[in-house]
Structures are given as structure tokens and as C-alpha cells.
């Protein structure tokens, strides 16, 4: 992966990074991009720092082949203990786009390619959001919330409930439903 090509003008505005790939499509000469791209929040996820995209672009037939890596930090709540967490996300890019035939269609499958303009910001946004997990976990050892007091069962989480039957408070709640019957 190299630095941006000096031949291709590119425009950076917030998360918009549009690169003119006309020379690549005409000459077939590959180019590399190394960009930081601001990503907007997506659902319960946010991105505290710009994503780092290292992309190699090359012409393949009439289309465009894009390979590379995108790295981003994803922030949100841990689905177990509800603490704020930021986890790294690394996505390998292997995408191929064919230019649309006839009229330009921004809603086509290859909407990141409009004539000779390649919207790297939109590609990064699409690739990152499609790779997001269903939920974030602060660590694999996260013990979640106590069913008795509602505090985190993790060390320093504030739960002082006695562990019962091996599940730190959860058995008390589960068994109480059967005791009332």
C-alpha cells in the first residue's frame, strides 16, 4: 500500500473523499490511497476517530478492483454490563465494481463509482457498517449485570451480592419465580 497518487485529484470534506480515477481507468495504471475517513454514527454505534483506509485500486476489464484494509474503532455499550466500550474493527476489502451502462444510477449496486469519480468515503462507510457486530462486548470475561442489585458483576463494578449456586445472584431470581407457584 502506498501514498495517494499525485496524478489523481481527490477531495476531502468530512467523511466525503471523492477521487478522480479517470487516469486509472484510461491507462490501467494502479493507484493507492491511504486516507483517514470520518464515519457518521450508525444505530447504537459511533466512531470516535476517523477510520484508516489503505486501499489499492486497479482497472480490471472495464471495472475497478479494490483491495486493502480498513481499521476503525467502534464505540457503544457492552451488551453484557452496559459500560461504554470502544473496540477495534479490522475489515479486509476485496471489492469489484463495474461502471453502469447508459444513464448514471446513484442507487445501483456500484454507487461508489460515478463516472470517473470514486467515492472512497462511501465505500468505507458501507464496508465498515456491514462488518459491525450485533453488539459490543467489553471483554470476553465480562460477567454482565447482577440480577439482584443490577450492578456490574465485573471486578470494581459495585455488586456486593453473595454468589449463590455458582451464578452470582442470578439463581436467586430464577428460583424465586418457582417458589411463588
N, C-alpha and C. Protein backbone atom coordinates (compact mmCIF):
# COMPACT_ATOMS: atom_id res chain seq x y z
N UNK A 1 0.85 -1.17 0.00
CA UNK A 1 0.00 0.00 0.00
C UNK A 1 0.90 1.23 0.00
N UNK A 2 0.57 2.16 -0.80
CA UNK A 2 1.40 3.34 -0.91
C UNK A 2 0.63 4.60 -0.59
N UNK A 3 1.25 5.70 -0.92
CA UNK A 3 0.63 7.01 -0.71
C UNK A 3 -0.32 7.32 -1.85
N UNK A 4 -1.22 8.31 -1.65
CA UNK A 4 -2.14 8.66 -2.74
C UNK A 4 -1.35 9.06 -3.98
N UNK A 5 -1.89 8.70 -5.12
CA UNK A 5 -1.26 9.04 -6.39
C UNK A 5 -1.26 10.54 -6.57
N UNK A 6 -0.16 11.09 -7.04
CA UNK A 6 -0.07 12.53 -7.29
C UNK A 6 -0.87 12.93 -8.53
N UNK A 7 -1.19 11.95 -9.39
CA UNK A 7 -1.90 12.24 -10.63
C UNK A 7 -3.39 12.41 -10.43
N UNK A 8 -3.97 11.75 -9.42
CA UNK A 8 -5.42 11.76 -9.26
C UNK A 8 -5.83 12.78 -8.22
N UNK A 9 -6.58 13.80 -8.63
CA UNK A 9 -7.06 14.76 -7.64
C UNK A 9 -8.09 14.09 -6.73
N UNK A 10 -8.05 14.44 -5.46
CA UNK A 10 -9.07 13.92 -4.56
C UNK A 10 -9.55 15.06 -3.68
N UNK A 11 -10.77 14.91 -3.21
CA UNK A 11 -11.42 15.96 -2.46
C UNK A 11 -11.84 15.39 -1.11
N UNK A 12 -11.43 16.01 -0.02
CA UNK A 12 -11.80 15.54 1.30
C UNK A 12 -12.64 16.57 2.03
N UNK A 13 -13.86 16.21 2.38
CA UNK A 13 -14.75 17.07 3.15
C UNK A 13 -15.46 16.20 4.16
N UNK A 14 -15.04 16.24 5.43
CA UNK A 14 -15.66 15.39 6.42
C UNK A 14 -15.48 13.94 6.03
N UNK A 15 -16.58 13.22 5.87
CA UNK A 15 -16.49 11.81 5.51
C UNK A 15 -16.49 11.62 3.99
N UNK A 16 -16.56 12.71 3.24
CA UNK A 16 -16.60 12.62 1.79
C UNK A 16 -15.17 12.65 1.25
N UNK A 17 -14.76 11.58 0.62
CA UNK A 17 -13.45 11.52 -0.03
C UNK A 17 -13.70 10.97 -1.43
N UNK A 18 -13.73 11.89 -2.40
CA UNK A 18 -14.01 11.52 -3.78
C UNK A 18 -12.70 11.63 -4.56
N UNK A 19 -12.37 10.57 -5.27
CA UNK A 19 -11.12 10.50 -6.02
C UNK A 19 -11.44 10.37 -7.51
N UNK A 20 -10.80 11.18 -8.33
CA UNK A 20 -10.94 11.06 -9.78
C UNK A 20 -10.02 9.94 -10.25
N UNK A 21 -10.63 8.86 -10.73
CA UNK A 21 -9.85 7.70 -11.17
C UNK A 21 -9.81 7.59 -12.69
N UNK A 22 -10.06 8.70 -13.36
CA UNK A 22 -10.07 8.71 -14.82
C UNK A 22 -8.78 8.19 -15.42
N UNK A 23 -7.64 8.62 -14.89
CA UNK A 23 -6.36 8.17 -15.44
C UNK A 23 -6.16 6.68 -15.20
N UNK A 24 -6.62 6.18 -14.07
CA UNK A 24 -6.51 4.74 -13.78
C UNK A 24 -7.34 3.95 -14.78
N UNK A 25 -8.57 4.41 -15.05
CA UNK A 25 -9.44 3.68 -15.97
C UNK A 25 -8.94 3.75 -17.42
N UNK A 26 -8.30 4.86 -17.79
CA UNK A 26 -7.79 5.02 -19.16
C UNK A 26 -6.48 4.28 -19.36
N UNK A 27 -5.51 4.50 -18.46
CA UNK A 27 -4.17 3.94 -18.64
C UNK A 27 -4.00 2.57 -18.01
N UNK A 28 -4.84 2.25 -17.03
CA UNK A 28 -4.69 0.98 -16.33
C UNK A 28 -3.63 1.02 -15.25
N UNK A 29 -3.04 2.19 -15.04
CA UNK A 29 -2.00 2.33 -14.03
C UNK A 29 -2.63 2.31 -12.63
N UNK A 30 -2.29 1.32 -11.78
CA UNK A 30 -2.88 1.21 -10.43
C UNK A 30 -2.55 2.42 -9.56
N UNK A 31 -3.36 2.62 -8.55
CA UNK A 31 -3.10 3.69 -7.59
C UNK A 31 -3.45 3.20 -6.20
N UNK A 32 -2.86 3.85 -5.22
CA UNK A 32 -3.08 3.51 -3.82
C UNK A 32 -3.60 4.72 -3.07
N UNK A 33 -4.46 4.46 -2.10
CA UNK A 33 -4.98 5.50 -1.23
C UNK A 33 -4.66 5.14 0.21
N UNK A 34 -4.28 6.11 0.98
CA UNK A 34 -4.06 5.96 2.41
C UNK A 34 -4.78 7.15 3.05
N UNK A 35 -6.02 6.92 3.48
CA UNK A 35 -6.89 8.02 3.92
C UNK A 35 -7.46 7.77 5.31
N UNK A 36 -7.72 8.85 6.01
CA UNK A 36 -8.47 8.85 7.27
C UNK A 36 -9.85 9.39 6.93
N UNK A 37 -10.89 8.62 7.22
CA UNK A 37 -12.24 8.98 6.81
C UNK A 37 -13.17 9.00 8.02
N UNK A 38 -13.80 10.14 8.24
CA UNK A 38 -14.75 10.30 9.34
C UNK A 38 -16.02 9.54 9.01
N UNK A 39 -16.47 8.71 9.96
CA UNK A 39 -17.68 7.93 9.76
C UNK A 39 -18.80 8.46 10.64
N UNK A 40 -20.02 8.57 10.11
CA UNK A 40 -21.15 9.03 10.92
C UNK A 40 -21.61 7.90 11.85
N UNK A 41 -22.29 8.23 12.95
CA UNK A 41 -22.84 7.18 13.82
C UNK A 41 -23.78 6.28 13.03
N UNK A 42 -23.87 5.04 13.48
CA UNK A 42 -24.74 4.06 12.83
C UNK A 42 -25.47 3.29 13.92
N UNK A 43 -26.76 3.53 14.07
CA UNK A 43 -27.53 2.88 15.12
C UNK A 43 -26.96 3.22 16.48
N UNK A 44 -26.65 2.21 17.28
CA UNK A 44 -26.10 2.40 18.62
C UNK A 44 -24.58 2.55 18.60
N UNK A 45 -23.98 2.51 17.42
CA UNK A 45 -22.53 2.58 17.31
C UNK A 45 -22.07 3.96 16.89
N UNK A 46 -20.91 4.36 17.39
CA UNK A 46 -20.27 5.60 16.93
C UNK A 46 -18.80 5.29 16.65
N UNK A 47 -18.14 6.22 16.01
CA UNK A 47 -16.75 6.02 15.61
C UNK A 47 -15.97 7.23 16.11
N UNK A 48 -15.30 7.11 17.28
CA UNK A 48 -14.66 8.26 17.90
C UNK A 48 -13.50 8.86 17.10
N UNK A 49 -12.86 8.08 16.28
CA UNK A 49 -11.74 8.53 15.46
C UNK A 49 -12.04 8.20 13.99
N UNK A 50 -11.46 8.92 13.07
CA UNK A 50 -11.65 8.56 11.66
C UNK A 50 -11.13 7.14 11.37
N UNK A 51 -11.79 6.45 10.46
CA UNK A 51 -11.34 5.14 10.03
C UNK A 51 -10.08 5.32 9.18
N UNK A 52 -9.18 4.36 9.26
CA UNK A 52 -7.96 4.39 8.45
C UNK A 52 -8.13 3.39 7.32
N UNK A 53 -8.13 3.90 6.10
CA UNK A 53 -8.32 3.04 4.92
C UNK A 53 -7.06 3.04 4.09
N UNK A 54 -6.52 1.86 3.85
CA UNK A 54 -5.40 1.67 2.93
C UNK A 54 -5.93 0.82 1.79
N UNK A 55 -6.10 1.42 0.63
CA UNK A 55 -6.74 0.76 -0.49
C UNK A 55 -5.87 0.81 -1.73
N UNK A 56 -5.83 -0.30 -2.45
CA UNK A 56 -5.18 -0.37 -3.76
C UNK A 56 -6.26 -0.49 -4.80
N UNK A 57 -6.22 0.37 -5.82
CA UNK A 57 -7.21 0.39 -6.89
C UNK A 57 -6.52 0.01 -8.19
N UNK A 58 -7.18 -0.85 -8.96
CA UNK A 58 -6.65 -1.19 -10.27
C UNK A 58 -7.80 -1.47 -11.23
N UNK A 59 -7.55 -1.20 -12.49
CA UNK A 59 -8.55 -1.46 -13.52
C UNK A 59 -8.57 -2.95 -13.83
N UNK A 60 -9.77 -3.48 -13.93
CA UNK A 60 -9.97 -4.88 -14.32
C UNK A 60 -11.07 -4.86 -15.37
N UNK A 61 -10.72 -5.24 -16.61
CA UNK A 61 -11.64 -5.10 -17.73
C UNK A 61 -12.12 -3.65 -17.79
N UNK A 62 -13.43 -3.40 -17.73
CA UNK A 62 -13.95 -2.03 -17.72
C UNK A 62 -14.18 -1.54 -16.30
N UNK A 63 -13.98 -2.41 -15.33
CA UNK A 63 -14.32 -2.09 -13.95
C UNK A 63 -13.14 -1.71 -13.09
N UNK A 64 -13.39 -1.74 -11.80
CA UNK A 64 -12.43 -1.32 -10.80
C UNK A 64 -12.35 -2.39 -9.71
N UNK A 65 -11.14 -2.84 -9.43
CA UNK A 65 -10.89 -3.79 -8.34
C UNK A 65 -10.26 -3.02 -7.19
N UNK A 66 -10.81 -3.20 -5.99
CA UNK A 66 -10.30 -2.51 -4.80
C UNK A 66 -9.95 -3.55 -3.75
N UNK A 67 -8.71 -3.53 -3.31
CA UNK A 67 -8.23 -4.41 -2.26
C UNK A 67 -7.59 -3.56 -1.18
N UNK A 68 -7.63 -4.03 0.03
CA UNK A 68 -6.97 -3.30 1.11
C UNK A 68 -7.53 -3.64 2.47
N UNK A 69 -7.29 -2.72 3.40
CA UNK A 69 -7.68 -2.92 4.79
C UNK A 69 -8.25 -1.61 5.32
N UNK A 70 -9.31 -1.73 6.11
CA UNK A 70 -9.90 -0.59 6.80
C UNK A 70 -9.89 -0.91 8.29
N UNK A 71 -9.39 0.02 9.08
CA UNK A 71 -9.38 -0.15 10.53
C UNK A 71 -10.13 1.01 11.16
N UNK A 72 -10.99 0.68 12.12
CA UNK A 72 -11.79 1.70 12.79
C UNK A 72 -12.03 1.28 14.23
N UNK A 73 -12.19 2.26 15.11
CA UNK A 73 -12.62 2.00 16.47
C UNK A 73 -14.12 2.17 16.54
N UNK A 74 -14.81 1.19 17.12
CA UNK A 74 -16.27 1.22 17.22
C UNK A 74 -16.63 1.40 18.69
N UNK A 75 -17.43 2.43 18.99
CA UNK A 75 -17.82 2.72 20.37
C UNK A 75 -19.30 2.46 20.57
N UNK A 76 -19.63 2.01 21.76
CA UNK A 76 -21.01 1.76 22.14
C UNK A 76 -21.06 1.18 23.53
N UNK A 77 -22.19 0.60 23.89
CA UNK A 77 -22.35 -0.04 25.19
C UNK A 77 -22.07 -1.53 25.08
N UNK A 78 -21.40 -2.07 26.10
CA UNK A 78 -21.23 -3.53 26.20
C UNK A 78 -22.61 -4.14 26.40
N UNK A 79 -22.93 -5.16 25.61
CA UNK A 79 -24.26 -5.78 25.71
C UNK A 79 -24.43 -6.61 26.98
N UNK A 80 -23.35 -6.85 27.72
CA UNK A 80 -23.45 -7.62 28.95
C UNK A 80 -23.54 -6.74 30.20
N UNK A 81 -22.62 -5.75 30.31
CA UNK A 81 -22.56 -4.94 31.53
C UNK A 81 -23.01 -3.50 31.33
N UNK A 82 -23.30 -3.10 30.10
CA UNK A 82 -23.77 -1.77 29.73
C UNK A 82 -22.75 -0.65 29.93
N UNK A 83 -21.49 -1.00 30.15
CA UNK A 83 -20.43 0.01 30.25
C UNK A 83 -20.06 0.48 28.85
N UNK A 84 -19.61 1.74 28.74
CA UNK A 84 -19.13 2.24 27.46
C UNK A 84 -17.84 1.53 27.09
N UNK A 85 -17.73 1.20 25.82
CA UNK A 85 -16.57 0.45 25.34
C UNK A 85 -16.24 0.88 23.92
N UNK A 86 -14.97 0.84 23.59
CA UNK A 86 -14.53 1.04 22.21
C UNK A 86 -13.69 -0.17 21.83
N UNK A 87 -14.06 -0.81 20.73
CA UNK A 87 -13.33 -2.00 20.27
C UNK A 87 -12.81 -1.76 18.86
N UNK A 88 -11.67 -2.38 18.55
CA UNK A 88 -11.13 -2.22 17.20
C UNK A 88 -11.88 -3.09 16.20
N UNK A 89 -11.98 -2.59 14.99
CA UNK A 89 -12.59 -3.34 13.89
C UNK A 89 -11.63 -3.28 12.71
N UNK A 90 -11.31 -4.43 12.16
CA UNK A 90 -10.42 -4.52 11.00
C UNK A 90 -11.16 -5.28 9.92
N UNK A 91 -11.30 -4.64 8.75
CA UNK A 91 -12.05 -5.24 7.65
C UNK A 91 -11.14 -5.34 6.43
N UNK A 92 -11.06 -6.53 5.86
CA UNK A 92 -10.31 -6.73 4.62
C UNK A 92 -11.25 -6.42 3.46
N UNK A 93 -10.77 -5.58 2.55
CA UNK A 93 -11.58 -5.15 1.41
C UNK A 93 -11.16 -5.92 0.17
N UNK A 94 -12.14 -6.50 -0.50
CA UNK A 94 -11.95 -7.19 -1.78
C UNK A 94 -13.22 -6.94 -2.57
N UNK A 95 -13.28 -5.80 -3.25
CA UNK A 95 -14.49 -5.37 -3.95
C UNK A 95 -14.19 -5.13 -5.42
N UNK A 96 -15.18 -5.45 -6.23
CA UNK A 96 -15.06 -5.17 -7.67
C UNK A 96 -16.30 -4.42 -8.11
N UNK A 97 -16.09 -3.35 -8.87
CA UNK A 97 -17.19 -2.52 -9.35
C UNK A 97 -17.10 -2.39 -10.85
N UNK A 98 -18.25 -2.50 -11.48
CA UNK A 98 -18.35 -2.29 -12.92
C UNK A 98 -19.07 -0.97 -13.13
N UNK A 99 -18.63 -0.15 -14.08
CA UNK A 99 -19.33 1.12 -14.32
C UNK A 99 -20.73 0.83 -14.87
N UNK A 100 -21.70 1.68 -14.51
CA UNK A 100 -23.06 1.46 -15.00
C UNK A 100 -23.13 1.69 -16.51
N UNK A 101 -23.98 0.95 -17.15
CA UNK A 101 -24.22 1.14 -18.58
C UNK A 101 -25.33 2.16 -18.76
N UNK A 102 -25.19 3.02 -19.73
CA UNK A 102 -26.23 4.02 -20.01
C UNK A 102 -26.22 5.13 -18.99
N UNK A 103 -27.41 5.50 -18.51
CA UNK A 103 -27.55 6.62 -17.57
C UNK A 103 -26.92 6.29 -16.23
N UNK A 104 -26.43 7.32 -15.57
CA UNK A 104 -25.85 7.16 -14.23
C UNK A 104 -26.98 6.85 -13.24
N UNK A 105 -26.76 5.87 -12.41
CA UNK A 105 -27.75 5.48 -11.42
C UNK A 105 -27.09 5.45 -10.05
N UNK A 106 -27.31 6.49 -9.22
CA UNK A 106 -26.64 6.52 -7.91
C UNK A 106 -27.11 5.43 -6.97
N UNK A 107 -28.22 4.76 -7.30
CA UNK A 107 -28.71 3.70 -6.45
C UNK A 107 -28.32 2.32 -6.95
N UNK A 108 -27.48 2.27 -7.94
CA UNK A 108 -27.02 0.99 -8.47
C UNK A 108 -26.12 0.31 -7.46
N UNK A 109 -25.85 -0.97 -7.70
CA UNK A 109 -25.01 -1.75 -6.80
C UNK A 109 -23.64 -1.10 -6.62
N UNK A 110 -23.13 -0.47 -7.66
CA UNK A 110 -21.82 0.15 -7.60
C UNK A 110 -21.91 1.66 -7.40
N UNK A 111 -22.74 2.11 -6.45
CA UNK A 111 -22.96 3.54 -6.28
C UNK A 111 -21.74 4.29 -5.76
N UNK A 112 -20.65 3.64 -5.46
CA UNK A 112 -19.44 4.35 -5.06
C UNK A 112 -18.64 4.80 -6.28
N UNK A 113 -19.05 4.36 -7.47
CA UNK A 113 -18.39 4.73 -8.71
C UNK A 113 -19.38 5.50 -9.58
N UNK A 114 -19.08 6.78 -9.81
CA UNK A 114 -19.96 7.63 -10.61
C UNK A 114 -19.10 8.24 -11.71
N UNK A 115 -19.18 7.67 -12.89
CA UNK A 115 -18.31 8.11 -13.98
C UNK A 115 -16.87 7.79 -13.63
N UNK A 116 -16.04 8.82 -13.55
CA UNK A 116 -14.64 8.61 -13.17
C UNK A 116 -14.40 9.00 -11.72
N UNK A 117 -15.46 9.29 -10.97
CA UNK A 117 -15.33 9.65 -9.56
C UNK A 117 -15.59 8.43 -8.68
N UNK A 118 -14.63 8.14 -7.86
CA UNK A 118 -14.72 7.04 -6.89
C UNK A 118 -14.92 7.65 -5.52
N UNK A 119 -16.03 7.33 -4.86
CA UNK A 119 -16.34 7.86 -3.53
C UNK A 119 -15.79 6.90 -2.47
N UNK A 120 -14.54 7.13 -2.09
CA UNK A 120 -13.88 6.27 -1.10
C UNK A 120 -14.57 6.37 0.25
N UNK A 121 -15.07 7.56 0.60
CA UNK A 121 -15.77 7.73 1.87
C UNK A 121 -17.00 6.86 1.95
N UNK A 122 -17.77 6.79 0.87
CA UNK A 122 -18.98 5.96 0.87
C UNK A 122 -18.63 4.48 0.92
N UNK A 123 -17.59 4.08 0.20
CA UNK A 123 -17.17 2.68 0.25
C UNK A 123 -16.77 2.30 1.67
N UNK A 124 -15.97 3.14 2.33
CA UNK A 124 -15.53 2.84 3.69
C UNK A 124 -16.73 2.75 4.62
N UNK A 125 -17.66 3.68 4.50
CA UNK A 125 -18.87 3.66 5.34
C UNK A 125 -19.65 2.37 5.15
N UNK A 126 -19.86 1.97 3.89
CA UNK A 126 -20.62 0.76 3.61
C UNK A 126 -19.92 -0.49 4.12
N UNK A 127 -18.62 -0.58 3.89
CA UNK A 127 -17.87 -1.77 4.30
C UNK A 127 -17.83 -1.88 5.82
N UNK A 128 -17.57 -0.77 6.51
CA UNK A 128 -17.50 -0.80 7.97
C UNK A 128 -18.85 -1.13 8.58
N UNK A 129 -19.92 -0.46 8.13
CA UNK A 129 -21.23 -0.73 8.74
C UNK A 129 -21.71 -2.16 8.46
N UNK A 130 -21.34 -2.73 7.33
CA UNK A 130 -21.75 -4.12 7.06
C UNK A 130 -20.95 -5.12 7.89
N UNK A 131 -19.80 -4.71 8.44
CA UNK A 131 -18.97 -5.61 9.24
C UNK A 131 -19.20 -5.45 10.74
N UNK A 132 -20.10 -4.55 11.15
CA UNK A 132 -20.33 -4.32 12.57
C UNK A 132 -20.93 -5.56 13.22
N UNK A 133 -20.54 -5.84 14.47
CA UNK A 133 -21.15 -6.98 15.19
C UNK A 133 -22.56 -6.61 15.64
N UNK A 134 -23.32 -7.60 16.08
CA UNK A 134 -24.66 -7.33 16.60
C UNK A 134 -24.59 -6.50 17.87
N UNK A 135 -23.54 -6.70 18.64
CA UNK A 135 -23.34 -5.94 19.87
C UNK A 135 -21.88 -5.99 20.28
N UNK A 136 -21.46 -5.00 21.06
CA UNK A 136 -20.09 -4.93 21.54
C UNK A 136 -19.98 -5.60 22.90
N UNK A 137 -18.83 -6.18 23.17
CA UNK A 137 -18.54 -6.78 24.46
C UNK A 137 -17.23 -6.18 24.95
N UNK A 138 -17.22 -5.69 26.21
CA UNK A 138 -16.02 -5.02 26.72
C UNK A 138 -14.85 -6.00 26.80
N UNK A 139 -15.12 -7.25 27.18
CA UNK A 139 -14.10 -8.29 27.18
C UNK A 139 -14.81 -9.64 27.23
N UNK A 140 -14.17 -10.67 26.78
CA UNK A 140 -14.80 -12.00 26.75
C UNK A 140 -15.14 -12.49 28.16
N UNK A 141 -14.43 -12.00 29.16
CA UNK A 141 -14.66 -12.42 30.55
C UNK A 141 -15.74 -11.60 31.23
N UNK A 142 -16.39 -10.68 30.53
CA UNK A 142 -17.41 -9.82 31.13
C UNK A 142 -18.50 -10.68 31.76
N UNK A 143 -18.82 -10.39 33.02
CA UNK A 143 -19.80 -11.18 33.77
C UNK A 143 -21.20 -10.57 33.74
N UNK A 144 -21.34 -9.40 33.10
CA UNK A 144 -22.67 -8.81 32.96
C UNK A 144 -23.17 -8.13 34.21
N UNK A 145 -24.50 -8.00 34.30
CA UNK A 145 -25.14 -7.32 35.42
C UNK A 145 -25.74 -8.33 36.39
N UNK A 146 -25.73 -7.98 37.65
CA UNK A 146 -26.31 -8.83 38.68
C UNK A 146 -27.83 -8.72 38.62
N UNK A 147 -28.51 -9.85 38.61
CA UNK A 147 -29.97 -9.85 38.56
C UNK A 147 -30.59 -9.39 39.87
N UNK A 148 -29.82 -9.39 40.96
CA UNK A 148 -30.33 -8.97 42.26
C UNK A 148 -30.23 -7.46 42.45
N UNK A 149 -29.02 -6.91 42.30
CA UNK A 149 -28.81 -5.48 42.57
C UNK A 149 -28.72 -4.63 41.31
N UNK A 150 -28.52 -5.23 40.14
CA UNK A 150 -28.45 -4.50 38.89
C UNK A 150 -27.10 -3.87 38.59
N UNK A 151 -26.12 -4.09 39.45
CA UNK A 151 -24.78 -3.54 39.21
C UNK A 151 -23.93 -4.54 38.45
N UNK A 152 -22.82 -4.04 37.93
CA UNK A 152 -21.90 -4.90 37.19
C UNK A 152 -21.28 -5.93 38.11
N UNK A 153 -21.21 -7.17 37.64
CA UNK A 153 -20.57 -8.25 38.39
C UNK A 153 -19.07 -8.31 38.13
N UNK A 154 -18.57 -7.44 37.27
CA UNK A 154 -17.13 -7.40 36.98
C UNK A 154 -16.39 -6.81 38.18
N UNK A 155 -15.11 -7.14 38.34
CA UNK A 155 -14.33 -6.53 39.43
C UNK A 155 -14.43 -5.01 39.36
N UNK A 156 -14.73 -4.39 40.51
CA UNK A 156 -14.88 -2.94 40.57
C UNK A 156 -16.22 -2.45 40.08
N UNK A 157 -17.14 -3.37 39.75
CA UNK A 157 -18.44 -3.00 39.20
C UNK A 157 -19.48 -2.62 40.22
N UNK A 158 -19.21 -2.82 41.52
CA UNK A 158 -20.12 -2.38 42.56
C UNK A 158 -21.06 -3.43 43.11
N UNK A 159 -21.11 -4.62 42.53
CA UNK A 159 -22.00 -5.65 43.05
C UNK A 159 -21.34 -6.35 44.23
N UNK A 160 -22.03 -6.33 45.39
CA UNK A 160 -21.51 -7.00 46.59
C UNK A 160 -22.42 -8.16 47.00
N UNK A 161 -23.33 -8.57 46.13
CA UNK A 161 -24.26 -9.65 46.45
C UNK A 161 -23.50 -10.96 46.59
N UNK A 162 -23.92 -11.81 47.55
CA UNK A 162 -23.25 -13.11 47.69
C UNK A 162 -23.56 -14.00 46.48
N UNK A 163 -22.56 -14.75 46.09
CA UNK A 163 -22.75 -15.69 44.98
C UNK A 163 -23.56 -16.86 45.50
N UNK A 164 -24.62 -17.23 44.78
CA UNK A 164 -25.42 -18.38 45.18
C UNK A 164 -25.47 -19.36 44.04
N UNK A 165 -25.28 -20.61 44.34
CA UNK A 165 -25.34 -21.70 43.38
C UNK A 165 -24.50 -21.42 42.14
N UNK A 166 -23.36 -20.73 42.32
CA UNK A 166 -22.40 -20.54 41.24
C UNK A 166 -22.70 -19.41 40.28
N UNK A 167 -23.85 -18.73 40.38
CA UNK A 167 -24.18 -17.71 39.39
C UNK A 167 -24.44 -16.34 39.99
N UNK A 168 -23.71 -15.92 40.94
CA UNK A 168 -23.66 -14.57 41.49
C UNK A 168 -24.99 -13.81 41.40
N UNK A 169 -26.01 -14.31 42.07
CA UNK A 169 -27.27 -13.58 42.15
C UNK A 169 -28.33 -14.03 41.17
N UNK A 170 -27.96 -14.64 40.05
CA UNK A 170 -28.96 -15.00 39.05
C UNK A 170 -29.87 -16.12 39.51
N UNK A 171 -29.34 -17.09 40.26
CA UNK A 171 -30.16 -18.21 40.71
C UNK A 171 -31.25 -17.74 41.65
N UNK A 172 -30.97 -16.71 42.46
CA UNK A 172 -31.99 -16.21 43.37
C UNK A 172 -33.22 -15.75 42.60
N UNK A 173 -33.04 -15.04 41.52
CA UNK A 173 -34.16 -14.53 40.75
C UNK A 173 -34.88 -15.67 40.05
N UNK A 174 -34.13 -16.57 39.43
CA UNK A 174 -34.75 -17.68 38.71
C UNK A 174 -35.55 -18.57 39.66
N UNK A 175 -34.98 -18.89 40.86
CA UNK A 175 -35.65 -19.77 41.78
C UNK A 175 -36.85 -19.10 42.44
N UNK A 176 -36.83 -17.77 42.63
CA UNK A 176 -37.95 -17.09 43.29
C UNK A 176 -39.24 -17.24 42.48
N UNK A 177 -39.15 -17.34 41.19
CA UNK A 177 -40.35 -17.50 40.37
C UNK A 177 -41.01 -18.83 40.64
N UNK A 178 -40.23 -19.87 40.95
CA UNK A 178 -40.79 -21.19 41.20
C UNK A 178 -41.29 -21.31 42.62
N UNK A 179 -40.73 -20.53 43.58
CA UNK A 179 -41.14 -20.60 44.98
C UNK A 179 -42.55 -20.04 45.17
N UNK A 180 -42.95 -19.07 44.34
CA UNK A 180 -44.26 -18.46 44.48
C UNK A 180 -45.38 -19.35 43.94
N UNK A 181 -45.04 -20.34 43.14
CA UNK A 181 -46.05 -21.18 42.49
C UNK A 181 -46.66 -22.19 43.44
